[in-house]
């Protein structure tokens, strides 16, 4: 329930793929994870040429009956040949929430050059001021950086 993304891999070469997908969607709803963003990886497309459209039609029918609030996206892949892996990774990037930026002010001891460098590398520095043995930086920083350097935020 706390996941940012559920990656559901289905074997489309199986004659039971539609039933298995439906069962997983049902279980996710039962455990309270039905609203978590989902990505359905339709694996073994190399063994079921042309099955992508058939499976996606079946998925549409399943979803129409279950009315989930979060519609899973589907990506056709072959783990054996590597076909579609790039598209799967692109879909993951689209589905996962971004690392949101916020304007913050950091105050570092002057000797914390590695931390100051991290702000310059991963943030968008707007202003830098030196006050004695401290460096203050105003920057747009992603959440991941703010969490990592939280003790330096003023």
Protein backbone atom coordinates (compact mmCIF):
# COMPACT_ATOMS: atom_id res chain seq x y z
CA UNK A 1 0.00 0.00 0.00
CA UNK A 2 2.95 2.34 0.54
CA UNK A 3 4.61 1.61 -2.81
CA UNK A 4 5.01 4.40 -5.35
CA UNK A 5 4.42 1.89 -8.16
CA UNK A 6 3.32 -1.72 -8.53
CA UNK A 7 5.02 -3.46 -11.45
CA UNK A 8 2.79 -6.42 -12.33
CA UNK A 9 4.43 -8.90 -14.71
CA UNK A 10 2.08 -11.20 -16.61
CA UNK A 11 3.04 -14.16 -18.82
CA UNK A 12 1.01 -13.50 -21.97
CA UNK A 13 1.95 -16.87 -23.42
CA UNK A 14 -0.13 -18.54 -20.70
CA UNK A 15 -3.68 -19.51 -21.64
CA UNK A 16 -4.64 -18.32 -18.13
CA UNK A 17 -3.11 -14.83 -18.43
CA UNK A 18 -6.44 -13.00 -18.39
CA UNK A 19 -7.61 -14.90 -15.29
CA UNK A 20 -4.28 -14.37 -13.51
CA UNK A 21 -4.31 -10.64 -14.21
CA UNK A 22 -7.87 -10.39 -12.91
CA UNK A 23 -6.91 -12.27 -9.75
CA UNK A 24 -3.94 -9.99 -9.06
CA UNK A 25 -6.13 -6.87 -9.54
CA UNK A 26 -8.70 -8.35 -7.16
CA UNK A 27 -6.08 -9.11 -4.49
CA UNK A 28 -4.56 -5.64 -4.82
CA UNK A 29 -8.00 -4.11 -4.24
CA UNK A 30 -8.62 -6.42 -1.25
CA UNK A 31 -5.39 -5.42 0.50
CA UNK A 32 -6.02 -1.73 -0.07
CA UNK A 33 -3.48 -1.27 -2.85
CA UNK A 34 -6.01 -0.82 -5.64
CA UNK A 35 -5.31 2.92 -5.81
CA UNK A 36 -1.54 2.52 -6.11
CA UNK A 37 -0.23 3.38 -9.60
CA UNK A 38 0.30 0.19 -11.58
CA UNK A 39 2.25 -0.82 -14.64
CA UNK A 40 1.48 -4.14 -16.28
CA UNK A 41 4.46 -5.72 -18.05
CA UNK A 42 3.13 -8.12 -20.66
CA UNK A 43 6.07 -10.54 -20.74
CA UNK A 44 6.94 -13.25 -23.28
CA UNK A 45 5.62 -11.30 -26.24
CA UNK A 46 8.22 -13.15 -28.34
CA UNK A 47 6.28 -16.38 -27.67
CA UNK A 48 2.91 -14.86 -28.48
CA UNK A 49 3.33 -12.69 -31.59
CA UNK A 50 0.33 -10.47 -32.14
CA UNK A 51 -0.98 -11.23 -28.66
CA UNK A 52 -0.42 -7.69 -27.38
CA UNK A 53 -3.64 -6.34 -28.88
CA UNK A 54 -5.56 -9.42 -27.69
CA UNK A 55 -4.21 -9.12 -24.16
CA UNK A 56 -4.81 -5.37 -24.01
CA UNK A 57 -8.42 -5.94 -25.17
CA UNK A 58 -8.80 -8.54 -22.41
CA UNK A 59 -7.33 -6.10 -19.89
CA UNK A 60 -9.78 -3.42 -21.00
CA UNK A 61 -12.66 -5.87 -20.44
CA UNK A 62 -11.30 -6.76 -16.99
CA UNK A 63 -10.94 -3.15 -16.00
CA UNK A 64 -14.39 -2.28 -17.28
CA UNK A 65 -15.86 -4.87 -14.93
CA UNK A 66 -13.81 -3.93 -11.87
CA UNK A 67 -13.78 -0.12 -12.24
CA UNK A 68 -10.44 0.47 -10.51
CA UNK A 69 -9.68 4.11 -9.77
CA UNK A 70 -6.13 3.66 -11.04
CA UNK A 71 -5.94 2.31 -14.58
CA UNK A 72 -2.78 0.24 -15.06
CA UNK A 73 -0.71 1.00 -18.14
CA UNK A 74 0.57 -1.93 -20.13
CA UNK A 75 3.93 -2.43 -21.82
CA UNK A 76 4.72 -5.42 -24.05
CA UNK A 77 8.14 -6.94 -23.33
CA UNK A 78 10.27 -9.99 -23.80
CA UNK A 79 12.70 -10.64 -20.96
CA UNK A 80 14.47 -13.20 -23.17
CA UNK A 81 15.11 -10.95 -26.19
CA UNK A 82 15.01 -7.54 -24.49
CA UNK A 83 12.26 -6.36 -26.82
CA UNK A 84 10.20 -3.56 -25.27
CA UNK A 85 12.45 -3.06 -22.21
CA UNK A 86 13.17 0.54 -23.24
CA UNK A 87 9.46 1.24 -23.54
CA UNK A 88 8.85 -0.39 -20.13
CA UNK A 89 11.50 1.81 -18.51
CA UNK A 90 10.02 4.90 -20.18
CA UNK A 91 6.58 3.93 -18.86
CA UNK A 92 8.03 3.53 -15.34
CA UNK A 93 9.47 7.04 -15.62
CA UNK A 94 6.06 8.38 -16.67
CA UNK A 95 4.11 6.62 -13.92
CA UNK A 96 6.41 7.25 -10.95
CA UNK A 97 5.86 10.52 -9.17
CA UNK A 98 8.47 13.17 -9.83
CA UNK A 99 10.92 14.34 -7.22
CA UNK A 100 9.17 17.68 -6.54
CA UNK A 101 11.19 20.86 -6.19
CA UNK A 102 10.75 23.41 -3.40
CA UNK A 103 12.57 26.61 -2.57
CA UNK A 104 14.66 26.15 0.60
CA UNK A 105 17.52 27.78 2.41
CA UNK A 106 20.44 25.65 3.59
CA UNK A 107 23.02 26.69 6.19
CA UNK A 108 26.24 24.67 6.07
CA UNK A 109 29.43 24.90 8.10
CA UNK A 110 32.12 26.03 5.64
CA UNK A 111 33.88 22.67 6.00
CA UNK A 112 30.90 20.76 4.52
CA UNK A 113 32.07 21.16 0.92
CA UNK A 114 30.63 17.80 -0.12
CA UNK A 115 27.15 18.84 1.05
CA UNK A 116 27.46 22.24 -0.62
CA UNK A 117 28.49 20.43 -3.81
CA UNK A 118 25.40 18.22 -3.61
CA UNK A 119 23.15 21.29 -3.59
CA UNK A 120 24.94 22.63 -6.66
CA UNK A 121 24.76 19.26 -8.43
CA UNK A 122 21.16 18.28 -7.67
CA UNK A 123 19.47 21.60 -6.95
CA UNK A 124 19.06 24.94 -8.70
CA UNK A 125 21.08 27.43 -6.70
CA UNK A 126 19.59 30.93 -6.63
CA UNK A 127 21.89 32.63 -4.14
CA UNK A 128 24.96 31.87 -2.06
CA UNK A 129 26.13 33.94 0.92
CA UNK A 130 29.05 33.42 3.28
CA UNK A 131 28.72 34.51 6.91
CA UNK A 132 31.86 33.85 8.92
CA UNK A 133 32.33 30.09 9.06
CA UNK A 134 28.96 29.26 7.43
CA UNK A 135 27.63 29.16 3.90
CA UNK A 136 23.95 29.86 3.23
CA UNK A 137 22.46 28.69 -0.03
CA UNK A 138 18.99 29.44 -1.33
CA UNK A 139 18.04 26.78 -3.87
CA UNK A 140 15.22 24.94 -5.52
CA UNK A 141 15.89 21.45 -4.22
CA UNK A 142 14.21 18.12 -4.99
CA UNK A 143 12.48 16.31 -2.14
CA UNK A 144 15.14 13.58 -2.12
CA UNK A 145 17.88 16.17 -1.51
CA UNK A 146 15.82 18.00 1.14
CA UNK A 147 15.34 14.72 3.00
CA UNK A 148 19.04 13.89 2.77
CA UNK A 149 20.20 17.34 3.91
CA UNK A 150 17.26 18.14 6.18
CA UNK A 151 19.38 19.00 9.19
CA UNK A 152 20.93 21.90 7.24
CA UNK A 153 17.62 23.51 6.25
CA UNK A 154 16.88 26.78 8.04
